[in-house]
Structure formats: structure tokens, C-alpha cells
Amino acid sequence: MTRERIIDYYSGFDEWGRLEREPLEFIINMHYIRAHLPAAGLVLDNGAGPGKYAMELARDGYRVTLSDLTPASVDIARQKAKEYDLTKQFEGFHVLDATRLEGLADDTYDASLMLGPLYHLQTEQERVEAVRELHRVTKRGGMVYIAMQSRMRMGINSLQSPQHWKPNDHMGAIRDFVEKGTFDHQDQGRFTGAYYFNIQDIQPFMEQHGFETVNLIGSSSLGAMLTAEQQQYWKERGEYEELIQFMIEKAEDPTILGISSHLLYIGTKK
């Protein structure tokens, strides 16, 4: 898939607003990111979009370098940092392709995030290039946090709502998707072409390219299975915060990884 298509999509998509409207993924990811970060240091947010994670890390006192493929997203991130009086925490705002982190030095970052680029890299070679670049710029022993999407969850979505996920609106296409993991939305303006991982392939892939696995979590946890009406029940009972805490705890239960739309690989550079 061309980079231009990715840039066009995110130039017109409110990713910051998505994480505000659907906060569970962000809440769970930040819980597990914080659980493994060093007390202080320099963090790379690579593929940062408008910088919601980067802003949170800057608030926590980390020095942050931000990069993204989409110039409009980098501009928003720069504006957000200024709006929140966090600019002094940033080492730079860069327009970069995750497969070529030009200008970022080797062994620089105490921790590195890549919470989006692997969604869109449809060839094995591109995915390898991206994780190798992340490995290159991270210090030995440094933490890495890498977001991926679940192939099984997308297969379930296609079966449940085939008209929303064309061309996965017939069984032949769904079988082909489940075999290959690549998806190109047929409807103009919808989510771009993407790649979805089989759960069992993630740890071997990352370890093959120089990382040691710490954890793999389901970023959307059991929330993927609850409708708005079902969640409203717990809100009306006054137990919504307890529900969120339960989903945070269960995010690392391996039995729910396949039904979680978003995944977070946590590892260290060997």
C-alpha cells in the first residue's frame, strides 16, 4: 500500500478524538507502558499520530522525541505540546517513515513506542525494516512497546458486519484474509489497507529481530465484546470504574488476545 494513501487517510481522520471517544485502548496501554518504563529518560514515540501518548509521557516528566509519517499529524502534535505547555519536554517533532528513521541516532532511547506503523505495513519486508529501525535507535535493555492488530478479531468483525468490511462480505474473501492477514478496504475513505497478526506469530517475529518478550496484552481487552448498552448497565450501577479496572487486569490474560482488536507487544532490546 502506498504511503500517500496512509497520509491522505490520517490527514483527514481525528485520531486524537478517536482515543477520547474510545478511551479503553489508551487507558490500558498507558497502564502497561507505565508499569515497565524506567523512572526517567528519553522516549521515542514513533508513529505517534497527533501525539496523545507522547503528551501523557511528557506530563510524566519524560523527554520525548515524536515522529510520524503524516505531516498534518506532526503539526497537531506540535500544537498540542504548545497548548499543554509541554514543548520543553520534547526533543523534536519529525516527519519520518517508520521503516527509515533518518536522523535518529543508534542506541539513543531508553524506551521506544511504535503504536501504529505495523498496522499499515503489508509486506514482510516492510515490517522487518520497521522493527529493525526501532531496535537500532533503542538502547540495549531499553523497553519497546509495539501495537499490532488481531487477525482473528478482524475475521470476527467481518463475519458480524460484512457490509462494513468490504471486500470481506463473502466467505471466500474472509478465508483469504484469515490466511494472509492483509486487508484493503473497498469503501472510499474507510480505514486504509492494513496487516493483521496471528497471535502465535507475534513473539517469534519480535524475538527473531532482536527483542526479548516481556508481555503481550489485549489493548481493548474484553471491551471488544461489550456493546454500549451493556457498558451502560455497569455505569448505571456505579461500577464502571471497577469494570475498567477488571478489563485492565484481564488485558494480559492470553485467552482473550484473539478477541482484542488491538494488541500491545512489550519487550526489551537484547
C-alpha atoms as a PDB file:
ATOM      1  CA  MET A   1       0.000   0.000   0.000  1.00  0.00           C
ATOM      2  CA  THR A   2       1.309   3.440  -0.890  1.00  0.00           C
ATOM      3  CA  ARG A   3       2.416   5.878   1.791  1.00  0.00           C
ATOM      4  CA  GLU A   4       0.304   8.545   0.077  1.00  0.00           C
ATOM      5  CA  ARG A   5      -2.867   6.636   0.891  1.00  0.00           C
ATOM      6  CA  ILE A   6      -1.905   6.414   4.562  1.00  0.00           C
ATOM      7  CA  ILE A   7      -1.062  10.125   4.663  1.00  0.00           C
ATOM      8  CA  ASP A   8      -4.348  11.050   2.950  1.00  0.00           C
ATOM      9  CA  TYR A   9      -6.358   8.975   5.413  1.00  0.00           C
ATOM     10  CA  TYR A  10      -4.769  10.320   8.583  1.00  0.00           C
ATOM     11  CA  SER A  11      -4.701  13.886   7.282  1.00  0.00           C
ATOM     12  CA  GLY A  12      -8.489  13.797   7.428  1.00  0.00           C
ATOM     13  CA  PHE A  13      -9.017  11.492  10.405  1.00  0.00           C
ATOM     14  CA  ASP A  14      -9.375  12.652  14.018  1.00  0.00           C
ATOM     15  CA  GLU A  15      -7.149  10.102  15.767  1.00  0.00           C
ATOM     16  CA  TRP A  16      -6.948  12.209  18.916  1.00  0.00           C
ATOM     17  CA  GLY A  17     -10.738  12.296  19.049  1.00  0.00           C
ATOM     18  CA  ARG A  18     -10.966   8.531  18.481  1.00  0.00           C
ATOM     19  CA  LEU A  19      -8.875   7.885  21.580  1.00  0.00           C
ATOM     20  CA  GLU A  20     -11.044  10.350  23.520  1.00  0.00           C
ATOM     21  CA  ARG A  21     -14.297   8.732  22.349  1.00  0.00           C
ATOM     22  CA  GLU A  22     -12.977   5.174  22.812  1.00  0.00           C
ATOM     23  CA  PRO A  23     -10.654   5.571  25.801  1.00  0.00           C
ATOM     24  CA  LEU A  24     -10.216   1.929  26.838  1.00  0.00           C
ATOM     25  CA  GLU A  25      -7.344   1.214  24.442  1.00  0.00           C
ATOM     26  CA  PHE A  26      -5.463   4.303  25.653  1.00  0.00           C
ATOM     27  CA  ILE A  27      -6.140   3.617  29.342  1.00  0.00           C
ATOM     28  CA  ILE A  28      -4.959   0.008  29.120  1.00  0.00           C
ATOM     29  CA  ASN A  29      -1.907   0.802  27.010  1.00  0.00           C
ATOM     30  CA  MET A  30      -0.791   3.595  29.344  1.00  0.00           C
ATOM     31  CA  HIS A  31      -1.204   1.329  32.373  1.00  0.00           C
ATOM     32  CA  TYR A  32       1.170  -1.266  30.909  1.00  0.00           C
ATOM     33  CA  ILE A  33       3.552   1.278  29.390  1.00  0.00           C
ATOM     34  CA  ARG A  34       3.990   2.966  32.773  1.00  0.00           C
ATOM     35  CA  ALA A  35       4.398  -0.380  34.526  1.00  0.00           C
ATOM     36  CA  HIS A  36       7.643  -1.072  32.636  1.00  0.00           C
ATOM     37  CA  LEU A  37       9.165   2.348  31.931  1.00  0.00           C
ATOM     38  CA  PRO A  38      12.350   3.445  33.661  1.00  0.00           C
ATOM     39  CA  ALA A  39      11.891   6.214  36.233  1.00  0.00           C
ATOM     40  CA  ALA A  40      13.237   8.822  33.811  1.00  0.00           C
ATOM     41  CA  GLY A  41      14.793   9.048  30.374  1.00  0.00           C
ATOM     42  CA  LEU A  42      14.393   9.771  26.689  1.00  0.00           C
ATOM     43  CA  VAL A  43      11.433   8.153  24.916  1.00  0.00           C
ATOM     44  CA  LEU A  44      10.719   7.856  21.194  1.00  0.00           C
ATOM     45  CA  ASP A  45       7.072   7.898  20.105  1.00  0.00           C
ATOM     46  CA  ASN A  46       7.407   6.617  16.548  1.00  0.00           C
ATOM     47  CA  GLY A  47       4.215   6.709  14.501  1.00  0.00           C
ATOM     48  CA  ALA A  48       2.783   8.979  17.174  1.00  0.00           C
ATOM     49  CA  GLY A  49      -0.078  10.453  15.164  1.00  0.00           C
ATOM     50  CA  PRO A  50      -1.241  13.643  16.892  1.00  0.00           C
ATOM     51  CA  GLY A  51       0.734  12.691  19.988  1.00  0.00           C
ATOM     52  CA  LYS A  52      -1.737  11.629  22.652  1.00  0.00           C
ATOM     53  CA  TYR A  53       0.655   9.089  24.168  1.00  0.00           C
ATOM     54  CA  ALA A  54       3.585  11.452  23.758  1.00  0.00           C
ATOM     55  CA  MET A  55       1.772  14.207  25.675  1.00  0.00           C
ATOM     56  CA  GLU A  56       0.988  11.815  28.511  1.00  0.00           C
ATOM     57  CA  LEU A  57       4.618  10.729  28.747  1.00  0.00           C
ATOM     58  CA  ALA A  58       5.771  14.344  28.649  1.00  0.00           C
ATOM     59  CA  ARG A  59       3.404  15.127  31.524  1.00  0.00           C
ATOM     60  CA  ASP A  60       5.019  12.255  33.431  1.00  0.00           C
ATOM     61  CA  GLY A  61       8.358  14.015  33.087  1.00  0.00           C
ATOM     62  CA  TYR A  62       9.955  12.045  30.246  1.00  0.00           C
ATOM     63  CA  ARG A  63      11.830  13.755  27.441  1.00  0.00           C
ATOM     64  CA  VAL A  64      10.132  12.752  24.203  1.00  0.00           C
ATOM     65  CA  THR A  65      11.046  12.611  20.532  1.00  0.00           C
ATOM     66  CA  LEU A  66       7.959  12.410  18.314  1.00  0.00           C
ATOM     67  CA  SER A  67       7.776  11.152  14.749  1.00  0.00           C
ATOM     68  CA  ASP A  68       5.013  10.300  12.305  1.00  0.00           C
ATOM     69  CA  LEU A  69       4.579   9.718   8.581  1.00  0.00           C
ATOM     70  CA  THR A  70       1.747  12.265   8.240  1.00  0.00           C
ATOM     71  CA  PRO A  71       2.861  15.921   8.306  1.00  0.00           C
ATOM     72  CA  ALA A  72      -0.583  17.106   9.466  1.00  0.00           C
ATOM     73  CA  SER A  73      -0.390  14.787  12.493  1.00  0.00           C
ATOM     74  CA  VAL A  74       3.045  16.095  13.434  1.00  0.00           C
ATOM     75  CA  ASP A  75       1.717  19.660  13.169  1.00  0.00           C
ATOM     76  CA  ILE A  76      -1.170  18.788  15.515  1.00  0.00           C
ATOM     77  CA  ALA A  77       1.239  17.206  17.982  1.00  0.00           C
ATOM     78  CA  ARG A  78       3.425  20.302  17.971  1.00  0.00           C
ATOM     79  CA  GLN A  79       0.338  22.442  18.616  1.00  0.00           C
ATOM     80  CA  LYS A  80      -0.850  20.142  21.419  1.00  0.00           C
ATOM     81  CA  ALA A  81       2.529  20.370  23.128  1.00  0.00           C
ATOM     82  CA  LYS A  82       2.315  24.150  22.992  1.00  0.00           C
ATOM     83  CA  GLU A  83      -1.311  24.134  24.198  1.00  0.00           C
ATOM     84  CA  TYR A  84      -0.427  21.964  27.206  1.00  0.00           C
ATOM     85  CA  ASP A  85       2.816  23.886  27.914  1.00  0.00           C
ATOM     86  CA  LEU A  86       4.861  20.744  27.276  1.00  0.00           C
ATOM     87  CA  THR A  87       7.086  21.898  24.408  1.00  0.00           C
ATOM     88  CA  LYS A  88      10.149  21.982  26.682  1.00  0.00           C
ATOM     89  CA  GLN A  89       9.777  18.208  27.233  1.00  0.00           C
ATOM     90  CA  PHE A  90      10.153  17.449  23.519  1.00  0.00           C
ATOM     91  CA  GLU A  91      13.479  16.818  21.812  1.00  0.00           C
ATOM     92  CA  GLY A  92      11.910  17.184  18.376  1.00  0.00           C
ATOM     93  CA  PHE A  93       8.915  16.689  16.092  1.00  0.00           C
ATOM     94  CA  HIS A  94       9.816  14.764  12.939  1.00  0.00           C
ATOM     95  CA  VAL A  95       8.077  13.623   9.752  1.00  0.00           C
ATOM     96  CA  LEU A  96       9.563  10.154   9.280  1.00  0.00           C
ATOM     97  CA  ASP A  97       8.712   6.788   7.768  1.00  0.00           C
ATOM     98  CA  ALA A  98       8.919   4.058  10.432  1.00  0.00           C
ATOM     99  CA  THR A  99      10.995   1.929   8.059  1.00  0.00           C
ATOM    100  CA  ARG A 100      13.636   4.681   7.750  1.00  0.00           C
ATOM    101  CA  LEU A 101      14.160   6.714  10.915  1.00  0.00           C
ATOM    102  CA  GLU A 102      16.623   9.047   9.236  1.00  0.00           C
ATOM    103  CA  GLY A 103      18.438  11.413  11.561  1.00  0.00           C
ATOM    104  CA  LEU A 104      17.733   9.379  14.719  1.00  0.00           C
ATOM    105  CA  ALA A 105      20.985   8.023  16.127  1.00  0.00           C
ATOM    106  CA  ASP A 106      21.730   4.442  17.136  1.00  0.00           C
ATOM    107  CA  ASP A 107      21.230   3.366  20.769  1.00  0.00           C
ATOM    108  CA  THR A 108      19.587   6.647  21.791  1.00  0.00           C
ATOM    109  CA  TYR A 109      16.279   5.924  23.516  1.00  0.00           C
ATOM    110  CA  ASP A 110      15.605   4.455  26.936  1.00  0.00           C
ATOM    111  CA  ALA A 111      12.199   3.356  25.621  1.00  0.00           C
ATOM    112  CA  SER A 112      10.556   3.371  22.204  1.00  0.00           C
ATOM    113  CA  LEU A 113       6.895   3.256  21.204  1.00  0.00           C
ATOM    114  CA  MET A 114       5.586   2.188  17.804  1.00  0.00           C
ATOM    115  CA  LEU A 115       1.820   2.273  18.235  1.00  0.00           C
ATOM    116  CA  GLY A 116       0.551   2.310  14.679  1.00  0.00           C
ATOM    117  CA  PRO A 117       3.029   1.769  11.845  1.00  0.00           C
ATOM    118  CA  LEU A 118       2.742  -2.042  11.850  1.00  0.00           C
ATOM    119  CA  TYR A 119      -0.990  -1.700  11.165  1.00  0.00           C
ATOM    120  CA  HIS A 120      -0.207  -0.412   7.684  1.00  0.00           C
ATOM    121  CA  LEU A 121       2.929  -2.247   6.579  1.00  0.00           C
ATOM    122  CA  GLN A 122       1.519  -5.025   4.450  1.00  0.00           C
ATOM    123  CA  THR A 123       4.703  -6.731   3.320  1.00  0.00           C
ATOM    124  CA  GLU A 124       7.004  -8.828   5.484  1.00  0.00           C
ATOM    125  CA  GLN A 125       9.997  -6.816   4.328  1.00  0.00           C
ATOM    126  CA  GLU A 126       8.435  -3.517   5.471  1.00  0.00           C
ATOM    127  CA  ARG A 127       7.528  -4.930   8.873  1.00  0.00           C
ATOM    128  CA  VAL A 128      11.057  -6.263   9.325  1.00  0.00           C
ATOM    129  CA  GLU A 129      12.533  -2.888   8.332  1.00  0.00           C
ATOM    130  CA  ALA A 130      10.337  -1.088  10.878  1.00  0.00           C
ATOM    131  CA  VAL A 131      11.226  -3.330  13.830  1.00  0.00           C
ATOM    132  CA  ARG A 132      14.902  -3.282  12.882  1.00  0.00           C
ATOM    133  CA  GLU A 133      14.849   0.519  12.877  1.00  0.00           C
ATOM    134  CA  LEU A 134      13.190   0.543  16.283  1.00  0.00           C
ATOM    135  CA  HIS A 135      15.833  -1.882  17.502  1.00  0.00           C
ATOM    136  CA  ARG A 136      18.603   0.306  16.083  1.00  0.00           C
ATOM    137  CA  VAL A 137      17.582   3.528  17.847  1.00  0.00           C
ATOM    138  CA  THR A 138      16.742   1.932  21.215  1.00  0.00           C
ATOM    139  CA  LYS A 139      19.401   1.453  23.887  1.00  0.00           C
ATOM    140  CA  ARG A 140      20.403  -2.090  24.803  1.00  0.00           C
ATOM    141  CA  GLY A 141      17.996  -3.207  27.522  1.00  0.00           C
ATOM    142  CA  GLY A 142      15.580  -0.413  26.612  1.00  0.00           C
ATOM    143  CA  MET A 143      11.842  -1.009  26.621  1.00  0.00           C
ATOM    144  CA  VAL A 144       9.799  -1.235  23.425  1.00  0.00           C
ATOM    145  CA  TYR A 145       6.028  -1.046  23.034  1.00  0.00           C
ATOM    146  CA  ILE A 146       4.643  -2.093  19.660  1.00  0.00           C
ATOM    147  CA  ALA A 147       0.982  -2.082  18.644  1.00  0.00           C
ATOM    148  CA  MET A 148      -0.468  -4.720  16.337  1.00  0.00           C
ATOM    149  CA  GLN A 149      -3.931  -5.810  15.247  1.00  0.00           C
ATOM    150  CA  SER A 150      -5.504  -9.224  15.761  1.00  0.00           C
ATOM    151  CA  ARG A 151      -6.336 -11.248  12.666  1.00  0.00           C
ATOM    152  CA  MET A 152      -8.973 -13.299  14.472  1.00  0.00           C
ATOM    153  CA  ARG A 153     -10.760 -10.188  15.789  1.00  0.00           C
ATOM    154  CA  MET A 154     -10.889  -8.758  12.270  1.00  0.00           C
ATOM    155  CA  GLY A 155     -12.222 -12.077  10.992  1.00  0.00           C
ATOM    156  CA  ILE A 156     -14.966 -11.921  13.632  1.00  0.00           C
ATOM    157  CA  ASN A 157     -15.752  -8.304  12.693  1.00  0.00           C
ATOM    158  CA  SER A 158     -16.095  -9.375   9.053  1.00  0.00           C
ATOM    159  CA  LEU A 159     -18.461 -12.204   9.946  1.00  0.00           C
ATOM    160  CA  GLN A 160     -20.566  -9.965  12.182  1.00  0.00           C
ATOM    161  CA  SER A 161     -20.730  -6.900   9.929  1.00  0.00           C
ATOM    162  CA  PRO A 162     -19.724  -7.917   6.395  1.00  0.00           C
ATOM    163  CA  GLN A 163     -21.233  -4.815   4.774  1.00  0.00           C
ATOM    164  CA  HIS A 164     -18.922  -2.627   6.856  1.00  0.00           C
ATOM    165  CA  TRP A 165     -15.769  -4.518   5.899  1.00  0.00           C
ATOM    166  CA  LYS A 166     -15.922  -4.972   2.138  1.00  0.00           C
ATOM    167  CA  PRO A 167     -14.475  -6.862   0.368  1.00  0.00           C
ATOM    168  CA  ASN A 168     -14.824  -9.235   3.358  1.00  0.00           C
ATOM    169  CA  ASP A 169     -18.536  -9.607   2.639  1.00  0.00           C
ATOM    170  CA  HIS A 170     -18.355 -13.196   1.398  1.00  0.00           C
ATOM    171  CA  MET A 171     -16.767 -16.311   2.798  1.00  0.00           C
ATOM    172  CA  GLY A 172     -14.137 -16.676   0.089  1.00  0.00           C
ATOM    173  CA  ALA A 173     -12.709 -13.245   0.900  1.00  0.00           C
ATOM    174  CA  ILE A 174     -12.810 -13.904   4.649  1.00  0.00           C
ATOM    175  CA  ARG A 175     -10.977 -17.208   4.226  1.00  0.00           C
ATOM    176  CA  ASP A 176      -8.357 -15.464   2.082  1.00  0.00           C
ATOM    177  CA  PHE A 177      -7.958 -12.714   4.686  1.00  0.00           C
ATOM    178  CA  VAL A 178      -7.550 -15.187   7.552  1.00  0.00           C
ATOM    179  CA  GLU A 179      -4.858 -16.995   5.569  1.00  0.00           C
ATOM    180  CA  LYS A 180      -2.861 -13.906   4.514  1.00  0.00           C
ATOM    181  CA  GLY A 181      -3.705 -11.184   7.060  1.00  0.00           C
ATOM    182  CA  THR A 182      -3.828  -8.327   4.558  1.00  0.00           C
ATOM    183  CA  PHE A 183      -6.901  -6.151   4.107  1.00  0.00           C
ATOM    184  CA  ASP A 184      -7.677  -3.280   1.739  1.00  0.00           C
ATOM    185  CA  HIS A 185     -10.962  -1.511   2.445  1.00  0.00           C
ATOM    186  CA  GLN A 186     -13.151  -1.341  -0.628  1.00  0.00           C
ATOM    187  CA  ASP A 187     -15.159   1.691   0.525  1.00  0.00           C
ATOM    188  CA  GLN A 188     -13.551   5.049  -0.176  1.00  0.00           C
ATOM    189  CA  GLY A 189     -12.496   6.950   2.937  1.00  0.00           C
ATOM    190  CA  ARG A 190     -12.677   3.995   5.308  1.00  0.00           C
ATOM    191  CA  PHE A 191      -9.737   2.502   7.217  1.00  0.00           C
ATOM    192  CA  THR A 192      -6.745   2.090   4.936  1.00  0.00           C
ATOM    193  CA  GLY A 193      -5.083  -1.095   3.833  1.00  0.00           C
ATOM    194  CA  ALA A 194      -3.724  -2.978   6.828  1.00  0.00           C
ATOM    195  CA  TYR A 195      -1.992  -6.075   8.120  1.00  0.00           C
ATOM    196  CA  TYR A 196      -3.291  -8.235  10.989  1.00  0.00           C
ATOM    197  CA  PHE A 197      -1.148 -10.666  13.003  1.00  0.00           C
ATOM    198  CA  ASN A 198      -1.908 -14.169  14.156  1.00  0.00           C
ATOM    199  CA  ILE A 199      -1.356 -14.164  17.906  1.00  0.00           C
ATOM    200  CA  GLN A 200       1.032 -17.116  17.805  1.00  0.00           C
ATOM    201  CA  ASP A 201       3.294 -15.359  15.272  1.00  0.00           C
ATOM    202  CA  ILE A 202       3.983 -12.181  17.267  1.00  0.00           C
ATOM    203  CA  GLN A 203       6.510 -13.354  19.848  1.00  0.00           C
ATOM    204  CA  PRO A 204       8.642 -15.356  17.369  1.00  0.00           C
ATOM    205  CA  PHE A 205       8.634 -12.435  14.912  1.00  0.00           C
ATOM    206  CA  MET A 206       9.835  -9.944  17.511  1.00  0.00           C
ATOM    207  CA  GLU A 207      12.403 -12.261  19.067  1.00  0.00           C
ATOM    208  CA  GLN A 208      13.812 -13.107  15.646  1.00  0.00           C
ATOM    209  CA  HIS A 209      14.641  -9.429  15.241  1.00  0.00           C
ATOM    210  CA  GLY A 210      16.489  -8.807  18.465  1.00  0.00           C
ATOM    211  CA  PHE A 211      13.891  -8.340  21.201  1.00  0.00           C
ATOM    212  CA  GLU A 212      13.161 -10.227  24.385  1.00  0.00           C
ATOM    213  CA  THR A 213       9.462 -10.579  25.168  1.00  0.00           C
ATOM    214  CA  VAL A 214       8.129  -9.190  28.443  1.00  0.00           C
ATOM    215  CA  ASN A 215       4.381  -9.371  27.792  1.00  0.00           C
ATOM    216  CA  LEU A 216       1.676  -9.311  25.159  1.00  0.00           C
ATOM    217  CA  ILE A 217      -1.621  -7.679  26.078  1.00  0.00           C
ATOM    218  CA  GLY A 218      -5.015  -7.067  24.514  1.00  0.00           C
ATOM    219  CA  SER A 219      -5.297  -3.273  24.425  1.00  0.00           C
ATOM    220  CA  SER A 220      -9.065  -3.323  24.038  1.00  0.00           C
ATOM    221  CA  SER A 221      -9.331  -6.313  26.380  1.00  0.00           C
ATOM    222  CA  LEU A 222     -12.893  -7.576  26.883  1.00  0.00           C
ATOM    223  CA  GLY A 223     -14.251  -4.207  25.767  1.00  0.00           C
ATOM    224  CA  ALA A 224     -14.402  -5.540  22.225  1.00  0.00           C
ATOM    225  CA  MET A 225     -17.191  -7.870  23.350  1.00  0.00           C
ATOM    226  CA  LEU A 226     -19.360  -5.296  25.149  1.00  0.00           C
ATOM    227  CA  THR A 227     -21.914  -3.110  23.402  1.00  0.00           C
ATOM    228  CA  ALA A 228     -22.581   0.469  24.503  1.00  0.00           C
ATOM    229  CA  GLU A 229     -25.842  -0.737  26.056  1.00  0.00           C
ATOM    230  CA  GLN A 230     -24.031  -3.425  28.035  1.00  0.00           C
ATOM    231  CA  GLN A 231     -21.451  -0.936  29.283  1.00  0.00           C
ATOM    232  CA  GLN A 232     -24.260   1.439  30.261  1.00  0.00           C
ATOM    233  CA  TYR A 233     -25.583  -1.173  32.678  1.00  0.00           C
ATOM    234  CA  TRP A 234     -22.349  -1.005  34.677  1.00  0.00           C
ATOM    235  CA  LYS A 235     -22.346   2.782  34.584  1.00  0.00           C
ATOM    236  CA  GLU A 236     -25.870   2.886  35.999  1.00  0.00           C
ATOM    237  CA  ARG A 237     -24.825   0.508  38.780  1.00  0.00           C
ATOM    238  CA  GLY A 238     -21.972   2.839  39.666  1.00  0.00           C
ATOM    239  CA  GLU A 239     -19.458   0.096  38.889  1.00  0.00           C
ATOM    240  CA  TYR A 240     -17.986   1.379  35.641  1.00  0.00           C
ATOM    241  CA  GLU A 241     -14.594   2.212  37.166  1.00  0.00           C
ATOM    242  CA  GLU A 242     -14.469  -1.292  38.623  1.00  0.00           C
ATOM    243  CA  LEU A 243     -15.295  -2.667  35.174  1.00  0.00           C
ATOM    244  CA  ILE A 244     -12.398  -0.697  33.664  1.00  0.00           C
ATOM    245  CA  GLN A 245     -10.046  -1.999  36.359  1.00  0.00           C
ATOM    246  CA  PHE A 246     -11.207  -5.557  35.650  1.00  0.00           C
ATOM    247  CA  MET A 247     -10.508  -5.097  31.929  1.00  0.00           C
ATOM    248  CA  ILE A 248      -7.046  -3.680  32.686  1.00  0.00           C
ATOM    249  CA  GLU A 249      -6.261  -6.758  34.773  1.00  0.00           C
ATOM    250  CA  LYS A 250      -7.604  -9.175  32.165  1.00  0.00           C
ATOM    251  CA  ALA A 251      -5.764  -7.486  29.280  1.00  0.00           C
ATOM    252  CA  GLU A 252      -2.787  -9.799  29.851  1.00  0.00           C
ATOM    253  CA  ASP A 253      -4.886 -12.974  30.014  1.00  0.00           C
ATOM    254  CA  PRO A 254      -3.715 -14.914  26.921  1.00  0.00           C
ATOM    255  CA  THR A 255      -7.168 -16.383  26.358  1.00  0.00           C
ATOM    256  CA  ILE A 256      -8.599 -13.009  25.264  1.00  0.00           C
ATOM    257  CA  LEU A 257      -5.818 -11.851  22.921  1.00  0.00           C
ATOM    258  CA  GLY A 258      -7.554 -13.089  19.789  1.00  0.00           C
ATOM    259  CA  ILE A 259     -10.763 -11.164  20.501  1.00  0.00           C
ATOM    260  CA  SER A 260      -8.989  -7.905  21.301  1.00  0.00           C
ATOM    261  CA  SER A 261      -8.859  -5.705  18.206  1.00  0.00           C
ATOM    262  CA  HIS A 262      -5.616  -4.002  19.274  1.00  0.00           C
ATOM    263  CA  LEU A 263      -2.605  -5.678  20.856  1.00  0.00           C
ATOM    264  CA  LEU A 264       0.466  -4.316  22.627  1.00  0.00           C
ATOM    265  CA  TYR A 265       3.767  -6.160  22.482  1.00  0.00           C
ATOM    266  CA  ILE A 266       6.083  -5.247  25.367  1.00  0.00           C
ATOM    267  CA  GLY A 267       9.718  -6.192  25.148  1.00  0.00           C
ATOM    268  CA  THR A 268      13.322  -5.168  25.615  1.00  0.00           C
ATOM    269  CA  LYS A 269      16.197  -4.767  23.178  1.00  0.00           C
ATOM    270  CA  LYS A 270      18.679  -7.609  23.572  1.00  0.00           C
END
